[in-house]
């Protein structure tokens, strides 16, 4: 009797265990509810930002061309100046004295030339009358030539003295804005000093320098046919200022460097922006914003993509044996994306259904409700 009860009890346990395993297996194979979408093509514009440095179209260092004491400072930092406007005056007394001396020497040389001309004419008349010899005539002629040379030297000295005097008034070399003024009235300045009197920045247009990777430049060049065509084909660019605001004027990319920076593996580009209100300043920083346009491309949510190192996958919902099953598929994505969406360049067709959320938790072959 006891043996019968024991056998019956064990039989019941085995049946319960078998049923439990079947229920567990059934639970594992049960369809799971996933959010799905049918992929379709669309247009997207993605903004790419690149760190940038802003420079004036011309940043001209104003250096003194003569030595002396700075007597007048006629501009202030940040002042807008015109080409030819007087900015500094260097002590003119020694240069004015040198000019006066040069002019006096010129007068003396001119008088000496006039005397030599009279002597030559007189000697020539006497020579024609056979009173003096040919030697006397040649001597008078040489004296005249020497006097003319002295006048020419004196003229050159006057020109040099006038130039030196003119250099004591330092004028703006271009239209622009005055930079820092490291020297004040009374300072001794000279052409050999390492620091400029100031810098004049021509900022009616500003150059904005930024860099892209070598691979990006290579892709652009391949598509356009040459680096020059690639630059011309670039769309208008925008500029984000250091405070996060966006500059109201758009710019255009003008040039690309033909040399790759070996330390960074990047190529430098230069964009130009108009600066009618002088809002941009030379030496400032910001971000260049380049819109990347994608036309008629498949767009998927970032949550639908599973990334395995350099491989990107999505789970496509396929009908297998009458059941909706998640099947992984490798895709290729565009190099530029928003972070919330991926642009798929290959691996998916329009109209296919994919799991739209939680791709990292989906298992291969999972049943989809």
Protein backbone atom coordinates (compact mmCIF):
# COMPACT_ATOMS: atom_id res chain seq x y z
CA UNK A 1 0.00 0.00 0.00
CA UNK A 2 2.79 2.33 0.93
CA UNK A 3 4.67 1.42 -2.25
CA UNK A 4 1.60 2.18 -4.33
CA UNK A 5 1.20 5.60 -2.71
CA UNK A 6 4.86 6.40 -3.31
CA UNK A 7 4.68 5.48 -7.00
CA UNK A 8 1.53 7.52 -7.46
CA UNK A 9 3.15 10.51 -5.77
CA UNK A 10 6.25 10.37 -7.98
CA UNK A 11 4.13 10.00 -11.09
CA UNK A 12 2.22 13.13 -10.15
CA UNK A 13 5.45 15.08 -9.61
CA UNK A 14 6.77 14.08 -13.02
CA UNK A 15 3.55 15.17 -14.71
CA UNK A 16 3.58 18.54 -12.92
CA UNK A 17 7.24 19.08 -13.88
CA UNK A 18 6.53 18.25 -17.52
CA UNK A 19 3.61 20.64 -17.63
CA UNK A 20 5.68 23.39 -16.04
CA UNK A 21 8.43 23.02 -18.65
CA UNK A 22 5.89 23.12 -21.45
CA UNK A 23 4.32 26.25 -20.00
CA UNK A 24 7.78 27.87 -19.60
CA UNK A 25 8.74 27.00 -23.16
CA UNK A 26 5.44 28.31 -24.36
CA UNK A 27 6.03 31.55 -22.45
CA UNK A 28 9.49 31.97 -23.99
CA UNK A 29 8.12 31.49 -27.51
CA UNK A 30 5.15 33.75 -26.94
CA UNK A 31 5.00 36.85 -29.18
CA UNK A 32 6.24 40.06 -27.53
CA UNK A 33 4.68 43.45 -28.14
CA UNK A 34 7.18 45.76 -29.86
CA UNK A 35 6.72 49.20 -31.31
CA UNK A 36 7.21 48.86 -35.07
CA UNK A 37 7.25 51.22 -38.02
CA UNK A 38 7.31 50.91 -41.77
CA UNK A 39 10.32 52.75 -43.08
CA UNK A 40 9.90 55.43 -45.69
CA UNK A 41 12.03 57.92 -47.53
CA UNK A 42 12.24 61.59 -46.60
CA UNK A 43 14.45 64.67 -46.87
CA UNK A 44 16.63 65.81 -44.00
CA UNK A 45 18.94 68.75 -43.36
CA UNK A 46 21.50 68.12 -40.64
CA UNK A 47 23.58 70.94 -39.17
CA UNK A 48 27.22 70.12 -38.54
CA UNK A 49 29.24 72.41 -36.27
CA UNK A 50 32.95 73.10 -36.53
CA UNK A 51 35.04 75.18 -34.14
CA UNK A 52 36.12 78.40 -35.83
CA UNK A 53 38.42 81.38 -35.39
CA UNK A 54 37.44 84.83 -36.65
CA UNK A 55 39.95 87.18 -38.26
CA UNK A 56 39.68 90.53 -40.01
CA UNK A 57 40.02 90.53 -43.77
CA UNK A 58 43.21 92.51 -43.20
CA UNK A 59 45.01 92.73 -39.88
CA UNK A 60 47.74 95.26 -40.64
CA UNK A 61 50.47 95.92 -38.09
CA UNK A 62 51.33 99.63 -37.96
CA UNK A 63 55.09 99.99 -37.44
CA UNK A 64 57.10 103.24 -37.17
CA UNK A 65 59.54 103.84 -40.02
CA UNK A 66 61.70 106.29 -38.09
CA UNK A 67 62.99 106.43 -34.52
CA UNK A 68 61.93 109.06 -32.03
CA UNK A 69 59.69 110.04 -29.15
CA UNK A 70 55.95 109.59 -29.59
CA UNK A 71 54.53 113.11 -29.35
CA UNK A 72 50.85 112.70 -30.27
CA UNK A 73 48.38 109.83 -30.01
CA UNK A 74 45.34 110.74 -32.12
CA UNK A 75 43.26 107.53 -31.99
CA UNK A 76 41.69 105.32 -29.35
CA UNK A 77 41.37 101.58 -29.12
CA UNK A 78 38.38 100.29 -31.07
CA UNK A 79 38.05 103.49 -33.09
CA UNK A 80 37.06 103.17 -36.73
CA UNK A 81 39.58 104.89 -38.99
CA UNK A 82 39.82 105.64 -42.70
CA UNK A 83 42.75 104.97 -44.97
CA UNK A 84 45.21 107.87 -44.70
CA UNK A 85 43.84 109.14 -41.37
CA UNK A 86 46.52 110.52 -39.02
CA UNK A 87 47.08 108.25 -36.02
CA UNK A 88 50.47 109.06 -34.42
CA UNK A 89 53.05 111.86 -34.55
CA UNK A 90 56.71 111.17 -33.76
CA UNK A 91 59.08 113.98 -32.72
CA UNK A 92 59.65 115.98 -35.92
CA UNK A 93 62.38 118.40 -34.76
CA UNK A 94 65.47 116.37 -35.79
CA UNK A 95 63.91 115.36 -39.09
CA UNK A 96 62.84 118.92 -39.88
CA UNK A 97 66.40 120.06 -39.10
CA UNK A 98 67.80 117.36 -41.36
CA UNK A 99 65.48 118.52 -44.15
CA UNK A 100 66.56 122.14 -43.69
CA UNK A 101 70.21 121.09 -43.88
CA UNK A 102 69.58 119.04 -47.01
CA UNK A 103 67.84 121.96 -48.68
CA UNK A 104 70.72 124.29 -47.78
CA UNK A 105 73.20 121.82 -49.22
CA UNK A 106 71.12 121.68 -52.38
CA UNK A 107 71.23 125.46 -52.72
CA UNK A 108 74.98 125.44 -52.25
CA UNK A 109 75.39 122.69 -54.84
CA UNK A 110 73.14 124.54 -57.25
CA UNK A 111 75.22 127.69 -56.85
CA UNK A 112 78.42 125.71 -57.40
CA UNK A 113 76.93 124.23 -60.55
CA UNK A 114 76.05 127.70 -61.83
CA UNK A 115 79.64 128.85 -61.21
CA UNK A 116 81.01 125.78 -62.98
CA UNK A 117 78.75 126.48 -65.96
CA UNK A 118 80.05 130.07 -66.19
CA UNK A 119 83.63 128.85 -65.96
CA UNK A 120 83.05 126.27 -68.66
CA UNK A 121 81.43 128.81 -71.04
CA UNK A 122 84.28 131.26 -70.51
CA UNK A 123 86.90 128.59 -71.06
CA UNK A 124 85.09 127.44 -74.18
CA UNK A 125 85.23 130.96 -75.67
CA UNK A 126 88.92 131.24 -74.90
CA UNK A 127 89.50 127.81 -76.39
CA UNK A 128 87.68 128.86 -79.58
CA UNK A 129 90.06 131.86 -79.76
CA UNK A 130 93.02 129.52 -79.20
CA UNK A 131 93.90 131.32 -75.98
CA UNK A 132 93.70 128.22 -73.73
CA UNK A 133 94.55 124.62 -74.42
CA UNK A 134 92.30 121.62 -74.80
CA UNK A 135 93.40 120.51 -71.32
CA UNK A 136 91.94 123.66 -69.77
CA UNK A 137 88.67 123.11 -71.61
CA UNK A 138 88.38 119.47 -70.45
CA UNK A 139 89.20 120.53 -66.90
CA UNK A 140 86.39 123.09 -66.93
CA UNK A 141 84.00 120.55 -68.40
CA UNK A 142 84.87 117.98 -65.70
CA UNK A 143 84.32 120.58 -63.01
CA UNK A 144 80.86 121.26 -64.43
CA UNK A 145 80.02 117.55 -64.47
CA UNK A 146 81.17 117.22 -60.87
CA UNK A 147 79.00 120.18 -59.87
CA UNK A 148 75.97 118.59 -61.57
CA UNK A 149 76.62 115.34 -59.69
CA UNK A 150 76.78 117.24 -56.43
CA UNK A 151 73.38 118.80 -57.21
CA UNK A 152 71.92 115.35 -57.90
CA UNK A 153 73.25 114.06 -54.58
CA UNK A 154 71.85 117.08 -52.79
CA UNK A 155 68.46 116.49 -54.42
CA UNK A 156 68.49 112.86 -53.26
CA UNK A 157 69.36 113.98 -49.75
CA UNK A 158 66.40 116.36 -49.77
CA UNK A 159 64.06 113.57 -50.91
CA UNK A 160 65.34 111.27 -48.13
CA UNK A 161 64.95 114.00 -45.56
CA UNK A 162 61.41 114.76 -46.76
CA UNK A 163 60.51 111.07 -46.58
CA UNK A 164 61.93 110.75 -43.08
CA UNK A 165 59.97 113.81 -42.00
CA UNK A 166 56.79 112.42 -43.56
CA UNK A 167 57.29 109.14 -41.65
CA UNK A 168 56.97 111.06 -38.39
CA UNK A 169 53.25 111.29 -39.12
CA UNK A 170 51.92 107.74 -39.01
CA UNK A 171 48.69 107.27 -40.95
CA UNK A 172 46.21 104.43 -41.19
CA UNK A 173 47.14 102.02 -44.02
CA UNK A 174 43.52 100.95 -44.59
CA UNK A 175 39.93 101.42 -43.52
CA UNK A 176 39.34 99.48 -40.34
CA UNK A 177 39.28 99.39 -36.57
CA UNK A 178 42.17 100.29 -34.28
CA UNK A 179 43.48 97.50 -32.06
CA UNK A 180 45.37 97.80 -28.78
CA UNK A 181 47.67 100.79 -28.17
CA UNK A 182 50.69 99.53 -26.21
CA UNK A 183 52.59 102.86 -26.40
CA UNK A 184 51.66 106.20 -24.93
CA UNK A 185 52.90 109.76 -25.49
CA UNK A 186 56.56 110.07 -24.52
CA UNK A 187 57.50 106.50 -25.40
CA UNK A 188 60.58 105.96 -27.55
CA UNK A 189 59.71 104.04 -30.72
CA UNK A 190 61.79 102.72 -33.61
CA UNK A 191 61.47 100.47 -36.68
CA UNK A 192 63.45 97.74 -34.87
CA UNK A 193 61.07 97.33 -31.95
CA UNK A 194 59.22 93.97 -31.81
CA UNK A 195 55.82 95.44 -30.95
CA UNK A 196 53.70 97.40 -33.41
CA UNK A 197 52.22 100.79 -32.57
CA UNK A 198 48.82 99.17 -33.16
CA UNK A 199 46.92 96.95 -35.56
CA UNK A 200 44.28 98.15 -38.01
CA UNK A 201 41.73 95.45 -38.80
CA UNK A 202 39.73 95.77 -41.99
CA UNK A 203 36.53 94.22 -40.68
CA UNK A 204 33.89 95.15 -43.23
CA UNK A 205 34.26 91.48 -44.12
CA UNK A 206 35.56 88.82 -41.76
CA UNK A 207 37.45 85.64 -42.47
CA UNK A 208 36.31 82.63 -40.43
CA UNK A 209 38.74 79.70 -40.33
CA UNK A 210 37.65 76.14 -39.47
CA UNK A 211 38.77 72.58 -40.19
CA UNK A 212 37.17 69.38 -41.44
CA UNK A 213 38.62 65.89 -41.43
CA UNK A 214 40.73 64.62 -44.26
CA UNK A 215 38.18 61.89 -45.04
CA UNK A 216 35.35 64.45 -45.28
CA UNK A 217 37.38 66.56 -47.67
CA UNK A 218 38.24 63.47 -49.70
CA UNK A 219 34.55 62.50 -50.02
CA UNK A 220 33.61 66.02 -51.07
CA UNK A 221 36.39 66.11 -53.66
CA UNK A 222 35.38 62.77 -55.13
CA UNK A 223 31.76 63.84 -55.50
CA UNK A 224 32.60 67.24 -57.03
CA UNK A 225 35.56 66.17 -59.15
CA UNK A 226 38.10 68.56 -57.62
CA UNK A 227 38.77 70.47 -54.42
CA UNK A 228 37.93 73.79 -56.10
CA UNK A 229 34.58 72.48 -57.34
CA UNK A 230 33.89 70.96 -53.91
CA UNK A 231 34.39 74.34 -52.26
CA UNK A 232 32.14 76.10 -54.79
CA UNK A 233 29.45 73.45 -54.30
CA UNK A 234 29.30 73.96 -50.53
CA UNK A 235 26.05 75.58 -49.36
CA UNK A 236 25.92 78.91 -47.52
CA UNK A 237 27.22 78.49 -43.98
CA UNK A 238 26.07 80.03 -40.71
CA UNK A 239 28.04 81.24 -37.71
CA UNK A 240 27.29 80.56 -34.07
CA UNK A 241 28.81 83.23 -31.83
CA UNK A 242 30.53 82.63 -28.52
CA UNK A 243 27.37 83.46 -26.54
CA UNK A 244 25.43 80.72 -28.35
CA UNK A 245 23.46 83.08 -30.58
CA UNK A 246 23.51 82.75 -34.34
CA UNK A 247 24.93 85.53 -36.49
CA UNK A 248 22.28 87.04 -38.74
CA UNK A 249 24.42 87.03 -41.88
CA UNK A 250 25.23 83.84 -43.78
CA UNK A 251 28.68 83.30 -45.23
CA UNK A 252 30.30 81.37 -48.03
CA UNK A 253 33.32 79.10 -48.08
CA UNK A 254 36.01 80.64 -50.30
CA UNK A 255 39.07 78.43 -50.06
CA UNK A 256 40.36 75.12 -48.73
CA UNK A 257 43.94 74.46 -47.79
CA UNK A 258 45.83 72.13 -50.09
CA UNK A 259 47.83 70.75 -47.15
CA UNK A 260 46.64 68.26 -44.52
CA UNK A 261 47.69 69.08 -40.97
CA UNK A 262 49.59 65.95 -39.97
CA UNK A 263 49.12 66.56 -36.25
CA UNK A 264 45.31 66.67 -36.49
CA UNK A 265 44.55 64.98 -39.83
CA UNK A 266 42.38 67.91 -40.83
CA UNK A 267 42.06 70.38 -43.70
CA UNK A 268 41.63 74.09 -43.03
CA UNK A 269 38.86 76.04 -44.80
CA UNK A 270 38.10 79.74 -44.90
CA UNK A 271 34.65 81.27 -45.03
CA UNK A 272 33.88 84.97 -45.46
CA UNK A 273 31.08 86.85 -43.70
CA UNK A 274 29.93 90.43 -44.25
CA UNK A 275 30.17 92.54 -41.10
CA UNK A 276 28.13 95.71 -41.72
CA UNK A 277 27.43 96.39 -38.03
CA UNK A 278 30.94 95.48 -36.82
CA UNK A 279 29.49 92.79 -34.59
CA UNK A 280 32.31 90.39 -35.42
CA UNK A 281 35.74 91.13 -34.01
CA UNK A 282 39.12 89.84 -35.07
CA UNK A 283 40.40 87.22 -32.65
CA UNK A 284 36.95 85.98 -31.60
CA UNK A 285 35.88 82.35 -31.73
CA UNK A 286 32.65 80.57 -32.64
CA UNK A 287 31.24 77.64 -34.58
CA UNK A 288 30.68 77.37 -38.30
CA UNK A 289 27.41 75.59 -39.07
CA UNK A 290 27.28 73.70 -42.36
CA UNK A 291 23.90 72.26 -43.44
CA UNK A 292 24.18 68.75 -44.86
CA UNK A 293 21.23 68.01 -47.14
CA UNK A 294 19.99 64.46 -47.70
CA UNK A 295 17.35 63.95 -50.36
CA UNK A 296 14.97 60.99 -50.59
CA UNK A 297 16.70 58.82 -47.97
CA UNK A 298 15.35 56.24 -45.51
CA UNK A 299 15.18 57.66 -41.99
CA UNK A 300 15.00 55.43 -38.88
CA UNK A 301 14.91 56.31 -35.17
CA UNK A 302 18.19 55.95 -33.30
CA UNK A 303 16.45 53.59 -30.83
CA UNK A 304 15.80 51.20 -33.75
CA UNK A 305 19.53 50.74 -34.42
CA UNK A 306 21.77 48.31 -32.58
CA UNK A 307 25.46 49.15 -32.79
CA UNK A 308 28.14 46.47 -32.50
CA UNK A 309 31.46 48.32 -32.74
CA UNK A 310 31.46 49.53 -36.36
CA UNK A 311 28.42 47.44 -37.41
CA UNK A 312 24.92 48.86 -37.31
CA UNK A 313 21.86 46.57 -37.27
CA UNK A 314 18.11 46.85 -37.28
CA UNK A 315 15.53 44.14 -36.69
CA UNK A 316 13.25 43.64 -39.65
CA UNK A 317 9.86 42.03 -39.00
CA UNK A 318 9.43 39.11 -41.41
CA UNK A 319 6.67 36.52 -41.76
CA UNK A 320 8.07 33.04 -41.19
CA UNK A 321 5.73 30.04 -41.01
CA UNK A 322 2.81 32.34 -40.42
CA UNK A 323 4.51 34.14 -37.53
CA UNK A 324 5.99 37.64 -37.34
CA UNK A 325 9.67 37.20 -36.51
CA UNK A 326 12.46 39.71 -35.74
CA UNK A 327 15.41 39.16 -38.08
CA UNK A 328 18.60 41.24 -37.72
CA UNK A 329 19.98 43.00 -40.75
CA UNK A 330 23.15 45.05 -41.21
CA UNK A 331 22.69 48.57 -42.53
CA UNK A 332 24.96 51.38 -43.67
CA UNK A 333 24.33 54.82 -42.21
CA UNK A 334 25.35 58.25 -43.43
CA UNK A 335 28.34 59.89 -41.72
CA UNK A 336 26.21 62.77 -40.45
CA UNK A 337 23.21 62.15 -38.20
CA UNK A 338 21.16 64.06 -35.66
CA UNK A 339 21.64 61.67 -32.75
CA UNK A 340 17.88 61.03 -32.64
CA UNK A 341 17.66 59.65 -36.15
CA UNK A 342 19.90 57.74 -38.51
CA UNK A 343 19.97 58.17 -42.25
CA UNK A 344 20.22 54.73 -43.87
CA UNK A 345 22.11 54.64 -47.15
CA UNK A 346 21.83 50.87 -47.73
CA UNK A 347 20.38 47.73 -46.15
CA UNK A 348 16.71 48.72 -46.01
CA UNK A 349 13.96 49.20 -48.54
CA UNK A 350 11.07 51.58 -48.33
CA UNK A 351 7.98 49.90 -46.89
CA UNK A 352 9.82 47.30 -44.81
CA UNK A 353 8.72 46.97 -41.18
CA UNK A 354 11.29 47.28 -38.41
CA UNK A 355 11.26 47.32 -34.62
CA UNK A 356 11.35 51.01 -33.77
CA UNK A 357 12.37 50.98 -30.12
CA UNK A 358 14.64 48.98 -27.83
CA UNK A 359 16.68 47.31 -30.57
CA UNK A 360 19.42 46.50 -28.09
CA UNK A 361 17.04 44.22 -26.12
CA UNK A 362 15.63 42.30 -29.08
CA UNK A 363 16.80 38.74 -29.63
CA UNK A 364 17.30 37.14 -33.00
CA UNK A 365 14.18 35.25 -34.08
CA UNK A 366 11.95 36.76 -31.40
CA UNK A 367 8.23 36.57 -32.16
CA UNK A 368 6.65 39.97 -32.62
CA UNK A 369 3.10 40.73 -31.53
